[in-house]
Amino acid sequence: MNRFVNGLLLLCGLIGAGLISVSCGGTEQRLVVTASEASFVPVIESSDVHVNVPRLVLTLLERDAQPEFAAGATFLIRYFEPTEGGIKFHSEAELRELNVEGLRYLIADRPPFGVAGQWAIAVTVELPNGTAESTPRLSFLVPDAPNGLQAGDSAPTVETPTIADGVLERMADVPVEARSMYEQSASELIAREQPFLIVWTSAERCAGRLACARALEQARAVLNRGEITVLHVEPFGRPRREPLQMLIDTANETWTIEAEPQFFIIDQDGVVAVRFEIVVTQSALDAAITAALR
């Protein structure tokens, strides 16, 4: 299910739940968000949240859209850690904002998930006029280990679809200069000890989210610079004919693609150097590629 839909269901549930209290700052300070005040909620976009996850990607949802805030607003995240008696306030940090054609993503770098258990977060928006708006707490389970591939893992050696498999047949028109993104399989590059960037995004068929089209544009920008081989796989969308669909499904499962977009940078040893989920700035992507090629 689309995470925006999940967030909408969460918001409706909170509104029907009555009073929601959020501890913050310290034992003397307490912020209370009532059901009527819970006009927007945080939605976790990251598909693999675990102990020591390098970053957390969030959005804010106000019923069927994103809330609007005045220019210059600051976004803060409060973390609540699990204890024997429940959860308690852990820390607060500022969120980075990344806008994709009007859609706001909030990035939490190095969230303090040091232990497994039931954590919670709340987001506060500090407005330029000195007022602030806050979300209710969102509780979720942080497992000890990731479900999917992480930096340091060996990249899967399964085949990814190529032109020879008919992968272009049900895709949007691919420019001639971008066809090299579909000429080789990830398994071939790993066997040749050739580093590469692989992006998993269904472009315009990504639940209507512009982040997917943006991810493909970023990958093509990397391709045009010629620093590293670039592959693109459309993990979802309309069913393909067999055996192509089976090839895609196997690749999705082995690379643990549960949400899109996904970026993986694979080094010459066939090891995942970096993984970025959902959104990444072009500068961060370029820096990670440069580091992987050293």
Protein backbone atom coordinates (compact mmCIF):
# COMPACT_ATOMS: atom_id res chain seq x y z
CA MET A 1 0.00 0.00 0.00
CA ASN A 2 1.18 3.53 -0.79
CA ARG A 3 2.73 5.14 2.30
CA PHE A 4 0.62 8.27 1.77
CA VAL A 5 -2.48 6.11 2.07
CA ASN A 6 -1.08 4.52 5.22
CA GLY A 7 -0.47 7.98 6.61
CA LEU A 8 -4.04 9.01 5.83
CA LEU A 9 -5.39 5.98 7.67
CA LEU A 10 -3.09 6.78 10.58
CA LEU A 11 -4.34 10.35 10.73
CA CYS A 12 -7.97 9.24 10.73
CA GLY A 13 -7.21 6.79 13.52
CA LEU A 14 -5.52 9.46 15.61
CA ILE A 15 -8.40 11.86 15.21
CA GLY A 16 -10.75 9.22 16.54
CA ALA A 17 -8.52 8.27 19.43
CA GLY A 18 -8.94 11.27 21.72
CA LEU A 19 -6.12 12.99 23.60
CA ILE A 20 -2.53 12.21 22.63
CA SER A 21 0.32 13.41 24.84
CA VAL A 22 3.93 13.89 23.76
CA SER A 23 6.80 14.29 26.21
CA CYS A 24 9.61 16.50 24.99
CA GLY A 25 12.74 18.35 26.01
CA GLY A 26 12.89 17.25 29.61
CA THR A 27 10.78 16.18 32.58
CA GLU A 28 9.51 19.72 33.18
CA GLN A 29 8.34 20.39 29.64
CA ARG A 30 5.34 18.63 28.16
CA LEU A 31 3.59 19.16 24.86
CA VAL A 32 0.04 17.88 24.52
CA VAL A 33 -1.56 17.35 21.14
CA THR A 34 -5.29 16.76 21.21
CA ALA A 35 -7.25 14.95 18.52
CA SER A 36 -8.56 18.21 17.08
CA GLU A 37 -5.04 19.65 16.98
CA ALA A 38 -3.58 16.65 15.14
CA SER A 39 -3.97 18.28 11.74
CA PHE A 40 -1.01 16.46 10.22
CA VAL A 41 1.01 13.34 10.95
CA PRO A 42 4.50 12.07 10.15
CA VAL A 43 4.78 9.29 7.58
CA ILE A 44 7.90 7.14 7.38
CA GLU A 45 8.91 6.72 3.74
CA SER A 46 12.02 4.60 4.41
CA SER A 47 11.28 0.94 3.77
CA ASP A 48 14.00 -0.53 6.01
CA VAL A 49 14.29 1.06 9.46
CA HIS A 50 16.60 -0.78 11.85
CA VAL A 51 19.23 -0.30 14.56
CA ASN A 52 21.95 2.06 13.29
CA VAL A 53 20.10 2.90 10.09
CA PRO A 54 22.09 5.76 8.50
CA ARG A 55 19.10 7.99 7.78
CA LEU A 56 15.33 8.19 8.01
CA VAL A 57 13.14 9.71 5.28
CA LEU A 58 9.82 11.24 6.33
CA THR A 59 6.94 13.20 4.88
CA LEU A 60 4.11 15.04 6.59
CA LEU A 61 0.51 14.31 5.66
CA GLU A 62 -2.55 16.48 6.24
CA ARG A 63 -5.56 14.35 5.30
CA ASP A 64 -5.14 14.00 1.51
CA ALA A 65 -2.22 16.38 0.92
CA GLN A 66 0.92 17.80 2.43
CA PRO A 67 0.48 20.68 4.90
CA GLU A 68 1.63 24.13 3.82
CA PHE A 69 3.99 26.19 5.98
CA ALA A 70 5.41 29.68 5.65
CA ALA A 71 8.83 30.04 4.05
CA GLY A 72 11.61 29.75 6.60
CA ALA A 73 9.93 27.09 8.74
CA THR A 74 12.27 24.79 10.68
CA PHE A 75 11.52 21.10 11.13
CA LEU A 76 12.56 19.28 14.30
CA ILE A 77 12.24 15.61 15.14
CA ARG A 78 11.87 14.25 18.68
CA TYR A 79 12.86 10.67 19.38
CA PHE A 80 11.33 8.52 22.13
CA GLU A 81 13.24 5.37 23.09
CA PRO A 82 11.89 2.07 24.48
CA THR A 83 12.26 1.38 28.21
CA GLU A 84 10.95 -1.27 30.57
CA GLY A 85 8.05 1.00 31.48
CA GLY A 86 7.22 2.11 27.95
CA ILE A 87 8.96 4.87 26.05
CA LYS A 88 10.65 8.09 27.15
CA PHE A 89 12.10 11.15 25.47
CA HIS A 90 15.55 10.49 24.03
CA SER A 91 16.71 13.46 21.96
CA GLU A 92 15.83 16.12 19.42
CA ALA A 93 17.44 17.02 16.09
CA GLU A 94 16.82 19.28 13.13
CA LEU A 95 15.56 17.68 9.93
CA ARG A 96 16.95 18.44 6.50
CA GLU A 97 14.37 19.45 3.92
CA LEU A 98 14.47 18.17 0.36
CA ASN A 99 11.82 19.39 -2.05
CA VAL A 100 10.95 17.46 -5.19
CA GLU A 101 8.82 19.75 -7.35
CA GLY A 102 6.73 20.91 -4.40
CA LEU A 103 6.69 17.64 -2.49
CA ARG A 104 8.59 18.00 0.80
CA TYR A 105 10.75 15.18 2.13
CA LEU A 106 12.37 15.45 5.55
CA ILE A 107 15.69 13.70 6.16
CA ALA A 108 16.89 12.65 9.60
CA ASP A 109 20.61 11.88 9.51
CA ARG A 110 21.93 9.19 11.88
CA PRO A 111 18.74 8.65 13.91
CA PRO A 112 19.64 7.41 17.42
CA PHE A 113 18.20 3.92 17.04
CA GLY A 114 20.85 2.22 19.16
CA VAL A 115 18.67 -0.58 20.49
CA ALA A 116 15.86 -2.66 19.04
CA GLY A 117 12.34 -2.08 20.28
CA GLN A 118 9.28 0.14 20.04
CA TRP A 119 10.50 3.65 19.28
CA ALA A 120 8.41 6.73 18.54
CA ILE A 121 8.92 10.06 16.81
CA ALA A 122 7.11 13.38 16.69
CA VAL A 123 7.79 16.30 14.37
CA THR A 124 7.57 19.96 15.40
CA VAL A 125 7.43 22.75 12.85
CA GLU A 126 8.78 26.05 14.16
CA LEU A 127 7.33 28.93 12.15
CA PRO A 128 9.00 32.29 11.44
CA ASN A 129 6.36 34.15 13.49
CA GLY A 130 7.48 32.36 16.66
CA THR A 131 4.65 29.82 16.81
CA ALA A 132 5.00 26.07 16.39
CA GLU A 133 2.88 23.14 15.27
CA SER A 134 3.48 19.54 16.27
CA THR A 135 2.39 16.07 15.25
CA PRO A 136 1.23 13.28 17.53
CA ARG A 137 3.75 10.58 18.30
CA LEU A 138 4.19 7.85 15.72
CA SER A 139 5.26 4.53 17.25
CA PHE A 140 7.00 1.84 15.24
CA LEU A 141 9.18 -1.20 15.76
CA VAL A 142 12.92 -0.87 15.14
CA PRO A 143 14.37 -4.36 14.56
CA ASP A 144 17.94 -5.23 15.43
CA ALA A 145 18.98 -6.06 11.85
CA PRO A 146 18.00 -4.71 8.42
CA ASN A 147 15.69 -6.62 6.12
CA GLY A 148 17.51 -5.60 2.98
CA LEU A 149 20.92 -4.92 1.53
CA GLN A 150 23.12 -2.42 3.32
CA ALA A 151 26.56 -0.93 2.84
CA GLY A 152 29.16 -3.68 3.21
CA ASP A 153 26.92 -6.47 1.89
CA SER A 154 27.81 -8.40 -1.23
CA ALA A 155 25.62 -7.40 -4.16
CA PRO A 156 23.35 -10.15 -5.51
CA THR A 157 24.69 -11.94 -8.56
CA VAL A 158 21.27 -12.58 -10.10
CA GLU A 159 20.57 -11.22 -13.56
CA THR A 160 18.78 -7.92 -14.01
CA PRO A 161 16.71 -7.43 -17.19
CA THR A 162 18.37 -6.16 -20.37
CA ILE A 163 17.40 -5.17 -23.88
CA ALA A 164 18.03 -8.77 -24.92
CA ASP A 165 15.27 -9.81 -22.49
CA GLY A 166 12.81 -7.34 -24.05
CA VAL A 167 12.90 -4.94 -21.11
CA LEU A 168 12.22 -1.86 -23.27
CA GLU A 169 8.96 -3.16 -24.74
CA ARG A 170 6.61 -1.68 -22.11
CA MET A 171 8.67 1.26 -20.98
CA ALA A 172 8.35 4.89 -21.95
CA ASP A 173 10.54 5.95 -24.85
CA VAL A 174 14.20 5.66 -23.89
CA PRO A 175 16.57 8.17 -25.52
CA VAL A 176 19.29 6.59 -27.63
CA GLU A 177 21.97 8.01 -25.34
CA ALA A 178 20.39 6.22 -22.35
CA ARG A 179 20.06 2.76 -23.89
CA SER A 180 23.35 1.65 -22.32
CA MET A 181 21.49 1.56 -18.99
CA TYR A 182 19.74 -1.59 -20.26
CA GLU A 183 22.46 -3.31 -22.29
CA GLN A 184 24.19 -5.11 -19.42
CA SER A 185 23.04 -7.09 -16.42
CA ALA A 186 24.23 -6.38 -12.89
CA SER A 187 25.52 -9.95 -12.74
CA GLU A 188 27.79 -9.31 -15.73
CA LEU A 189 29.29 -6.20 -14.18
CA ILE A 190 29.90 -7.93 -10.85
CA ALA A 191 31.62 -10.83 -12.63
CA ARG A 192 33.90 -8.35 -14.45
CA GLU A 193 34.63 -6.51 -11.18
CA GLN A 194 33.25 -3.32 -12.72
CA PRO A 195 31.74 -0.74 -10.35
CA PHE A 196 28.28 0.58 -11.18
CA LEU A 197 25.28 2.57 -10.02
CA ILE A 198 21.92 0.82 -10.23
CA VAL A 199 18.66 2.71 -9.74
CA TRP A 200 15.35 0.96 -9.16
CA THR A 201 12.49 3.23 -10.10
CA SER A 202 9.32 2.88 -12.13
CA ALA A 203 9.59 6.49 -13.24
CA GLU A 204 6.15 7.86 -14.08
CA ARG A 205 4.37 4.82 -12.62
CA CYS A 206 5.64 5.33 -9.07
CA ALA A 207 2.27 5.85 -7.32
CA GLY A 208 2.14 9.30 -8.88
CA ARG A 209 5.19 10.48 -6.94
CA LEU A 210 7.63 12.74 -8.72
CA ALA A 211 10.56 11.30 -6.76
CA CYS A 212 10.63 8.33 -9.13
CA ALA A 213 10.95 10.41 -12.30
CA ARG A 214 13.55 12.54 -10.52
CA ALA A 215 15.60 9.46 -9.59
CA LEU A 216 15.77 8.41 -13.24
CA GLU A 217 16.86 11.92 -14.23
CA GLN A 218 19.61 11.81 -11.61
CA ALA A 219 20.83 8.44 -12.88
CA ARG A 220 20.91 9.74 -16.45
CA ALA A 221 22.91 12.76 -15.30
CA VAL A 222 25.49 10.39 -13.80
CA LEU A 223 25.48 8.36 -17.01
CA ASN A 224 26.16 11.48 -19.09
CA ARG A 225 29.28 12.28 -17.07
CA GLY A 226 30.75 8.88 -17.91
CA GLU A 227 32.36 8.26 -14.51
CA ILE A 228 30.64 4.97 -13.78
CA THR A 229 28.41 2.42 -15.50
CA VAL A 230 24.72 3.05 -14.76
CA LEU A 231 21.85 0.54 -14.81
CA HIS A 232 18.12 1.17 -14.47
CA VAL A 233 15.47 -1.38 -13.49
CA GLU A 234 11.72 -0.72 -13.39
CA PRO A 235 10.70 -2.91 -10.44
CA PHE A 236 6.94 -2.36 -10.59
CA GLY A 237 4.26 -1.25 -13.02
CA ARG A 238 2.30 -3.20 -15.58
CA PRO A 239 2.95 -6.97 -15.70
CA ARG A 240 5.43 -8.05 -18.37
CA ARG A 241 5.35 -11.19 -20.45
CA GLU A 242 7.11 -14.29 -19.14
CA PRO A 243 9.95 -15.02 -18.67
CA LEU A 244 10.74 -11.29 -18.35
CA GLN A 245 8.33 -10.81 -15.43
CA MET A 246 9.91 -13.70 -13.55
CA LEU A 247 13.34 -12.16 -14.12
CA ILE A 248 12.15 -8.83 -12.71
CA ASP A 249 10.41 -10.45 -9.74
CA THR A 250 13.51 -12.48 -8.86
CA ALA A 251 15.72 -9.41 -9.09
CA ASN A 252 13.29 -7.39 -6.91
CA GLU A 253 13.25 -10.08 -4.26
CA THR A 254 16.99 -10.66 -4.23
CA TRP A 255 17.83 -6.96 -4.12
CA THR A 256 15.04 -6.50 -1.48
CA ILE A 257 13.17 -3.76 -3.34
CA GLU A 258 10.10 -2.98 -1.24
CA ALA A 259 9.77 0.73 -2.00
CA GLU A 260 11.07 2.98 -4.72
CA PRO A 261 13.21 4.75 -5.74
CA GLN A 262 16.32 2.88 -4.58
CA PHE A 263 19.94 3.67 -5.44
CA PHE A 264 22.81 1.22 -4.94
CA ILE A 265 26.45 1.99 -5.66
CA ILE A 266 28.44 -1.22 -6.15
CA ASP A 267 32.23 -1.13 -5.94
CA GLN A 268 34.76 -3.17 -7.94
CA ASP A 269 34.63 -5.96 -5.35
CA GLY A 270 30.90 -6.43 -5.91
CA VAL A 271 30.10 -4.91 -2.52
CA VAL A 272 27.37 -2.37 -1.76
CA ALA A 273 29.22 0.87 -1.07
CA VAL A 274 26.14 3.01 -0.43
CA ARG A 275 22.38 2.63 -0.55
CA PHE A 276 20.00 5.59 -0.79
CA GLU A 277 16.26 5.16 -0.38
CA ILE A 278 13.47 7.37 -1.74
CA VAL A 279 15.36 10.64 -2.27
CA VAL A 280 18.95 11.85 -2.34
CA THR A 281 20.52 15.10 -3.41
CA GLN A 282 22.60 15.04 -6.56
CA SER A 283 25.63 16.26 -4.60
CA ALA A 284 25.36 13.42 -2.07
CA LEU A 285 24.95 10.88 -4.86
CA ASP A 286 27.96 12.26 -6.75
CA ALA A 287 30.11 12.29 -3.59
CA ALA A 288 29.24 8.66 -2.85
CA ILE A 289 30.15 7.63 -6.40
CA THR A 290 33.48 9.43 -6.16
CA ALA A 291 34.26 7.70 -2.86
CA ALA A 292 33.35 4.28 -4.29
CA LEU A 293 35.69 4.75 -7.26
CA ARG A 294 38.76 5.57 -5.18
